[in-house]
Amino acid sequence: MQFFTPGRTEIIGNHTDHQLGRVIASAVRLGITSEVDITTERVVRINSCGYGLVVVDITENEPREDEMLRAAALVRGVAAAFLQRGYAVGGFAGTMRSGLPEGGGMSSSAAFAVSIGRIFNALYNGGVVSDEEIAHCARFAENTYFGKPSGLMDQMACSVGGMIYIDFFTGEIVPLRCDLAAMGLRLCLTNTGGSHAHLTDAYAQIPADMRAAAAEFGQELLGYVNYEDFLAAAPPHDRLHNRARHFFEENARVEQMRYALSAGDASACIALMNASGRSSERLLGNIRTPAGDDRLERGLALSAQLLDGVGAWRVHGGGFAGCVQALVPAEHLEAYCSAMERTFGEGSCNVVM
């Protein structure tokens, strides 16, 4: 059987998902193609471009320290999540080919985990597991087995597909009909080349800070805190409370972007994405790595030179290293991509929508 799982891009909603906030995300045209056959033994064997040969005995369901940040952990974790939810798993063998560029910001680990879930669903469950459940299983695998402290946005976007608005507080998931090309825009992701290695603690500190701010109001997550109560408390402008401010303001921007996209309002979309980017830089503080790697910062600065007054640019995803996301008017696309690739290398700039 053959399967395709797309990568994803975060349109807006930077670091809101893990606090029961809102996001808009979209599947992209690039992804992972799998070709597998069922086997009689309870072993998964995948020859994967980018991951090499992955062999996992799925009768062993506990997380393994030696598999952290490896593809085997995602296979084992998704299998465990299926079993916990009362679904069946079994062996299969085959290949995976990824069209997602390494470090390209399209969430290859989430796409890989969702691919495993889709295979278990089709081969052993008659397709009854919903896209949303597969996303939850994939997140469980990434968080508990793989060791990546992600929210649910990545997995949900890869699993559900299309462009979607998600409210993690209410559980609402709404497909959005949006044609960026009809608005005269293209969405680009540029990999600036910074490594995500050794950044787990930096990523984990953001939700930890937000939870600490929520705890001041007797809540576990900021999604439960009333914004007016937060403002009335006049919190100081330190890292912890600035990150909380970012959450509340970003959450409001997501709702505004939802209507701007649906209305085909290009100028509003550009303004909102720029406001999101500036908030990530100034309040969230997820641009430069703790070790001082400034490649992402330089990518944002170059994008500002190229797009100021005509387009939008912002950090994409977790931040600290990795990708710049840009909304580029079609007439500026060639010049933008050429300039970014001259600085960050051939193939670094991908037009994903």
Protein backbone atom coordinates (compact mmCIF):
# COMPACT_ATOMS: atom_id res chain seq x y z
CA MET A 1 0.00 0.00 0.00
CA GLN A 2 1.13 3.56 -0.66
CA PHE A 3 0.63 6.55 1.65
CA PHE A 4 1.45 10.26 1.47
CA THR A 5 1.75 12.54 4.50
CA PRO A 6 2.39 16.24 3.92
CA GLY A 7 4.71 18.44 5.90
CA ARG A 8 3.24 21.50 7.52
CA THR A 9 3.75 25.22 7.89
CA GLU A 10 2.57 27.42 10.75
CA ILE A 11 0.78 30.39 9.23
CA ILE A 12 0.33 32.16 12.57
CA GLY A 13 0.16 31.18 16.22
CA ASN A 14 3.77 30.96 17.37
CA HIS A 15 4.01 29.00 20.63
CA THR A 16 0.30 29.21 21.39
CA ASP A 17 -0.70 25.56 20.94
CA HIS A 18 0.88 24.25 24.14
CA GLN A 19 -1.11 26.80 26.20
CA LEU A 20 -4.55 25.89 24.79
CA GLY A 21 -4.37 28.79 22.36
CA ARG A 22 -5.28 29.18 18.70
CA VAL A 23 -3.24 28.51 15.56
CA ILE A 24 -3.60 28.52 11.81
CA ALA A 25 -1.50 25.91 10.08
CA SER A 26 -1.42 24.35 6.67
CA ALA A 27 -0.22 21.21 4.97
CA VAL A 28 2.31 21.89 2.22
CA ARG A 29 2.87 20.31 -1.16
CA LEU A 30 6.01 18.47 0.04
CA GLY A 31 5.85 15.41 2.26
CA ILE A 32 6.68 11.77 2.94
CA THR A 33 5.68 8.93 0.60
CA SER A 34 5.52 5.43 2.08
CA GLU A 35 5.18 2.07 0.34
CA VAL A 36 4.62 -0.84 2.75
CA ASP A 37 3.38 -4.41 2.95
CA ILE A 38 1.89 -6.17 5.95
CA THR A 39 4.02 -8.86 7.63
CA THR A 40 3.18 -11.67 10.04
CA GLU A 41 5.75 -10.77 12.70
CA ARG A 42 5.24 -7.84 15.08
CA VAL A 43 8.24 -5.95 13.76
CA VAL A 44 8.31 -2.72 11.77
CA ARG A 45 11.07 -2.50 9.14
CA ILE A 46 11.38 0.77 7.24
CA ASN A 47 14.13 1.69 4.85
CA SER A 48 13.87 5.44 5.09
CA CYS A 49 15.71 8.05 3.09
CA GLY A 50 17.20 10.33 5.72
CA TYR A 51 16.75 7.91 8.62
CA GLY A 52 18.37 4.77 7.21
CA LEU A 53 17.05 1.33 8.13
CA VAL A 54 14.66 1.43 11.08
CA VAL A 55 13.78 -1.88 12.77
CA VAL A 56 11.44 -1.84 15.77
CA ASP A 57 10.00 -4.79 17.71
CA ILE A 58 6.61 -3.33 18.65
CA THR A 59 5.98 -5.98 21.33
CA GLU A 60 8.29 -3.80 23.46
CA ASN A 61 6.26 -0.71 24.29
CA GLU A 62 8.30 1.23 26.86
CA PRO A 63 10.32 4.32 25.90
CA ARG A 64 14.03 3.66 25.41
CA GLU A 65 16.75 6.13 26.27
CA ASP A 66 18.94 4.96 23.38
CA GLU A 67 16.17 5.80 20.88
CA MET A 68 15.64 9.42 21.91
CA LEU A 69 15.54 11.75 18.86
CA ARG A 70 15.64 8.72 16.55
CA ALA A 71 12.99 7.46 14.14
CA ALA A 72 12.66 4.18 16.06
CA ALA A 73 11.26 6.13 19.00
CA LEU A 74 8.47 7.52 16.83
CA VAL A 75 7.51 4.05 15.59
CA ARG A 76 7.52 2.61 19.11
CA GLY A 77 5.66 5.60 20.54
CA VAL A 78 2.89 5.61 17.93
CA ALA A 79 2.43 1.84 18.41
CA ALA A 80 2.16 2.35 22.18
CA ALA A 81 -0.36 5.17 21.73
CA PHE A 82 -2.53 3.03 19.44
CA LEU A 83 -2.54 0.20 21.96
CA GLN A 84 -3.40 2.57 24.83
CA ARG A 85 -6.43 3.76 22.84
CA GLY A 86 -7.60 0.22 22.18
CA TYR A 87 -6.48 0.00 18.55
CA ALA A 88 -4.49 -2.77 16.88
CA VAL A 89 -0.90 -2.67 15.64
CA GLY A 90 1.20 -5.16 13.77
CA GLY A 91 4.23 -5.62 11.60
CA PHE A 92 4.92 -4.12 8.22
CA ALA A 93 7.90 -3.57 5.97
CA GLY A 94 8.64 -1.04 3.27
CA THR A 95 10.26 2.23 2.32
CA MET A 96 9.76 5.90 3.04
CA ARG A 97 10.91 8.72 0.77
CA SER A 98 10.91 12.24 2.13
CA GLY A 99 10.50 15.32 -0.02
CA LEU A 100 10.91 17.52 3.05
CA PRO A 101 14.29 19.28 3.04
CA GLU A 102 16.35 18.59 6.16
CA GLY A 103 15.96 21.51 8.55
CA GLY A 104 13.37 23.00 6.21
CA GLY A 105 10.89 23.83 8.94
CA MET A 106 8.09 21.60 7.64
CA SER A 107 8.05 19.29 10.66
CA SER A 108 9.54 16.11 9.26
CA SER A 109 9.35 14.30 12.62
CA ALA A 110 5.60 14.99 12.90
CA ALA A 111 5.04 13.89 9.31
CA PHE A 112 7.01 10.70 9.98
CA ALA A 113 5.00 9.91 13.13
CA VAL A 114 1.69 10.62 11.39
CA SER A 115 2.80 8.36 8.51
CA ILE A 116 3.31 5.50 10.99
CA GLY A 117 -0.14 6.14 12.43
CA ARG A 118 -1.75 6.13 9.00
CA ILE A 119 -0.09 2.83 8.17
CA PHE A 120 -1.23 1.14 11.40
CA ASN A 121 -4.72 2.56 10.79
CA ALA A 122 -5.01 1.22 7.25
CA LEU A 123 -3.34 -2.15 7.77
CA TYR A 124 -4.77 -3.14 11.14
CA ASN A 125 -7.79 -0.96 11.97
CA GLY A 126 -9.79 -0.70 8.78
CA GLY A 127 -9.28 3.07 8.67
CA VAL A 128 -11.48 3.75 11.72
CA VAL A 129 -8.91 5.90 13.57
CA SER A 130 -9.68 9.56 12.90
CA ASP A 131 -7.13 12.04 11.62
CA GLU A 132 -7.38 13.88 14.94
CA GLU A 133 -6.65 10.72 16.94
CA ILE A 134 -3.67 9.92 14.75
CA ALA A 135 -2.37 13.42 15.45
CA HIS A 136 -2.68 12.85 19.21
CA CYS A 137 -0.85 9.53 18.91
CA ALA A 138 1.92 11.18 16.92
CA ARG A 139 2.30 13.95 19.49
CA PHE A 140 2.46 11.39 22.31
CA ALA A 141 5.25 9.61 20.44
CA GLU A 142 7.19 12.84 19.86
CA ASN A 143 6.81 14.05 23.46
CA THR A 144 7.22 10.84 25.43
CA TYR A 145 9.40 8.60 23.25
CA PHE A 146 11.27 10.90 20.83
CA GLY A 147 11.97 13.61 23.41
CA LYS A 148 10.63 16.64 21.54
CA PRO A 149 8.46 18.95 23.71
CA SER A 150 6.11 19.98 20.90
CA GLY A 151 2.51 21.10 21.06
CA LEU A 152 -0.16 19.48 18.90
CA MET A 153 -0.17 21.87 15.95
CA ASP A 154 2.49 20.08 13.88
CA GLN A 155 0.89 16.67 14.05
CA MET A 156 -2.65 17.99 13.55
CA ALA A 157 -1.71 19.94 10.41
CA CYS A 158 0.14 16.97 8.91
CA SER A 159 -2.71 14.57 9.72
CA VAL A 160 -5.81 16.64 8.89
CA GLY A 161 -4.34 18.35 5.80
CA GLY A 162 -5.28 21.57 4.02
CA MET A 163 -5.29 24.88 5.86
CA ILE A 164 -6.90 24.67 9.27
CA TYR A 165 -7.82 26.93 12.17
CA ILE A 166 -7.44 25.16 15.52
CA ASP A 167 -8.67 26.38 18.89
CA PHE A 168 -7.03 24.07 21.40
CA PHE A 169 -9.18 25.46 24.24
CA THR A 170 -12.50 24.52 22.64
CA GLY A 171 -11.25 21.69 20.44
CA GLU A 172 -12.60 23.45 17.34
CA ILE A 173 -10.88 22.51 14.06
CA VAL A 174 -12.12 24.44 11.04
CA PRO A 175 -10.89 24.00 7.46
CA LEU A 176 -10.15 27.37 5.86
CA ARG A 177 -10.73 28.06 2.20
CA CYS A 178 -7.85 30.28 1.23
CA ASP A 179 -6.06 30.84 -2.07
CA LEU A 180 -2.86 32.80 -1.48
CA ALA A 181 -2.11 32.79 -5.19
CA ALA A 182 -5.42 34.51 -5.88
CA MET A 183 -4.30 37.21 -3.44
CA GLY A 184 -1.09 37.61 -5.42
CA LEU A 185 1.00 36.08 -2.64
CA ARG A 186 3.36 33.13 -2.21
CA LEU A 187 4.47 31.56 1.06
CA CYS A 188 8.19 30.79 1.37
CA LEU A 189 10.30 29.03 3.98
CA THR A 190 14.03 29.67 4.03
CA ASN A 191 16.30 27.33 5.99
CA THR A 192 19.01 29.59 7.42
CA GLY A 193 21.16 26.60 8.32
CA GLY A 194 21.19 26.83 12.09
CA SER A 195 21.18 23.49 13.90
CA HIS A 196 18.36 22.47 16.25
CA ALA A 197 20.78 20.27 18.19
CA HIS A 198 21.11 21.17 21.86
CA LEU A 199 18.05 23.46 21.70
CA THR A 200 15.58 21.19 23.51
CA ASP A 201 16.04 23.07 26.78
CA ALA A 202 15.51 26.44 25.06
CA TYR A 203 12.28 25.19 23.46
CA ALA A 204 11.08 23.66 26.73
CA GLN A 205 11.73 26.90 28.63
CA ILE A 206 9.04 28.76 26.65
CA PRO A 207 6.08 26.62 27.80
CA ALA A 208 7.65 26.42 31.25
CA ASP A 209 7.73 30.22 31.50
CA MET A 210 4.16 30.47 30.25
CA ARG A 211 2.99 27.89 32.78
CA ALA A 212 4.78 29.81 35.53
CA ALA A 213 2.94 32.98 34.51
CA ALA A 214 -0.36 31.07 34.51
CA ALA A 215 0.41 29.71 37.99
CA GLU A 216 0.39 33.28 39.34
CA PHE A 217 -3.35 33.26 38.55
CA GLY A 218 -3.93 29.80 39.96
CA GLN A 219 -4.06 28.16 36.55
CA GLU A 220 -2.00 25.47 34.85
CA LEU A 221 -1.95 27.05 31.37
CA LEU A 222 -2.37 30.56 29.99
CA GLY A 223 -5.40 29.47 28.00
CA TYR A 224 -7.32 29.44 31.29
CA VAL A 225 -6.19 32.95 32.30
CA ASN A 226 -8.30 36.02 31.50
CA TYR A 227 -6.24 38.57 29.56
CA GLU A 228 -7.85 41.53 31.34
CA ASP A 229 -6.91 39.99 34.69
CA PHE A 230 -3.35 39.61 33.45
CA LEU A 231 -3.16 43.25 32.39
CA ALA A 232 -4.79 44.47 35.61
CA ALA A 233 -2.07 42.74 37.59
CA ALA A 234 0.50 44.99 35.86
CA PRO A 235 3.13 42.25 35.54
CA PRO A 236 6.74 43.32 35.03
CA HIS A 237 8.39 43.31 31.61
CA ASP A 238 10.66 40.37 32.26
CA ARG A 239 11.14 37.26 30.11
CA LEU A 240 8.43 35.21 31.80
CA HIS A 241 5.73 37.87 31.58
CA ASN A 242 6.75 39.06 28.11
CA ARG A 243 6.23 35.52 26.87
CA ALA A 244 2.79 35.54 28.48
CA ARG A 245 2.02 38.86 26.73
CA HIS A 246 3.05 37.31 23.45
CA PHE A 247 0.63 34.43 24.02
CA PHE A 248 -2.38 36.69 24.62
CA GLU A 249 -1.62 39.05 21.74
CA GLU A 250 -0.76 36.26 19.33
CA ASN A 251 -3.94 34.43 20.23
CA ALA A 252 -5.96 37.50 19.20
CA ARG A 253 -4.00 37.82 15.96
CA VAL A 254 -4.86 34.25 15.00
CA GLU A 255 -8.56 35.05 15.13
CA GLN A 256 -7.99 38.16 13.01
CA MET A 257 -5.91 36.20 10.50
CA ARG A 258 -8.66 33.62 10.21
CA TYR A 259 -11.03 36.23 8.82
CA ALA A 260 -8.38 37.99 6.72
CA LEU A 261 -7.49 34.74 4.96
CA SER A 262 -11.13 33.81 4.41
CA ALA A 263 -11.83 37.28 3.01
CA GLY A 264 -8.79 37.20 0.72
CA ASP A 265 -7.47 40.41 2.33
CA ALA A 266 -3.79 40.35 1.35
CA SER A 267 -2.84 43.58 3.11
CA ALA A 268 -4.36 42.42 6.40
CA CYS A 269 -2.61 39.06 6.13
CA ILE A 270 0.73 40.80 5.59
CA ALA A 271 0.18 43.17 8.51
CA LEU A 272 -0.82 40.38 10.89
CA MET A 273 2.10 38.13 9.95
CA ASN A 274 4.51 41.02 10.48
CA ALA A 275 2.96 41.79 13.87
CA SER A 276 3.36 38.12 14.79
CA GLY A 277 7.00 38.19 13.77
CA ARG A 278 7.82 41.31 15.74
CA SER A 279 6.12 39.86 18.82
CA SER A 280 8.17 36.66 18.53
CA GLU A 281 11.34 38.72 18.30
CA ARG A 282 10.62 41.23 21.07
CA LEU A 283 8.40 39.41 23.55
CA LEU A 284 8.81 35.68 22.97
CA GLY A 285 12.54 35.95 22.37
CA ASN A 286 13.04 32.85 20.21
CA ILE A 287 15.36 34.23 17.56
CA ARG A 288 19.00 33.74 18.61
CA THR A 289 20.25 30.47 20.12
CA PRO A 290 21.61 30.44 23.68
CA ALA A 291 25.03 29.77 22.14
CA GLY A 292 24.75 32.96 20.04
CA ASP A 293 24.05 31.48 16.59
CA ASP A 294 22.60 34.45 14.70
CA ARG A 295 21.80 32.90 11.32
CA LEU A 296 18.05 33.06 11.87
CA GLU A 297 18.40 36.67 13.01
CA ARG A 298 20.36 37.47 9.84
CA GLY A 299 17.70 35.77 7.72
CA LEU A 300 15.01 37.92 9.28
CA ALA A 301 17.10 41.06 8.77
CA LEU A 302 17.69 40.24 5.09
CA SER A 303 13.97 39.52 4.62
CA ALA A 304 13.20 42.90 6.17
CA GLN A 305 15.44 44.60 3.61
CA LEU A 306 13.83 42.72 0.73
CA LEU A 307 10.18 42.86 1.80
CA ASP A 308 9.74 46.00 3.90
CA GLY A 309 6.58 47.74 2.69
CA VAL A 310 5.53 44.94 0.33
CA GLY A 311 5.50 41.61 2.22
CA ALA A 312 5.79 39.86 5.58
CA TRP A 313 8.50 37.91 7.38
CA ARG A 314 8.67 36.09 10.69
CA VAL A 315 10.33 33.26 12.57
CA HIS A 316 8.75 29.93 11.74
CA GLY A 317 7.97 27.25 14.28
CA GLY A 318 9.91 26.77 17.49
CA GLY A 319 12.55 29.32 16.59
CA PHE A 320 16.10 29.93 17.86
CA ALA A 321 17.45 28.32 14.69
CA GLY A 322 16.00 27.21 11.40
CA CYS A 323 13.55 28.95 9.15
CA VAL A 324 12.25 32.32 8.08
CA GLN A 325 8.67 32.33 6.81
CA ALA A 326 7.71 35.02 4.30
CA LEU A 327 4.59 36.16 2.50
CA VAL A 328 5.95 37.43 -0.79
CA PRO A 329 4.02 39.23 -3.54
CA ALA A 330 4.30 37.22 -6.74
CA GLU A 331 6.15 40.01 -8.55
CA HIS A 332 8.88 39.98 -5.86
CA LEU A 333 9.19 36.20 -5.56
CA GLU A 334 12.13 35.59 -7.89
CA ALA A 335 14.20 38.42 -6.42
CA TYR A 336 13.44 37.33 -2.86
CA CYS A 337 14.29 33.66 -3.38
CA SER A 338 17.47 34.52 -5.29
CA ALA A 339 18.72 36.85 -2.59
CA MET A 340 17.97 34.38 0.22
CA GLU A 341 19.69 31.53 -1.63
CA ARG A 342 22.76 33.64 -2.34
CA THR A 343 23.12 34.07 1.40
CA PHE A 344 21.95 30.70 2.75
CA GLY A 345 22.72 28.35 -0.12
CA GLU A 346 21.08 26.85 -3.16
CA GLY A 347 17.80 25.13 -2.34
CA SER A 348 17.44 26.87 1.01
CA CYS A 349 14.35 28.85 -0.03
CA ASN A 350 11.27 26.75 -0.75
CA VAL A 351 7.96 28.03 -2.10
CA VAL A 352 5.53 25.89 -0.11
CA MET A 353 2.20 27.54 -1.00
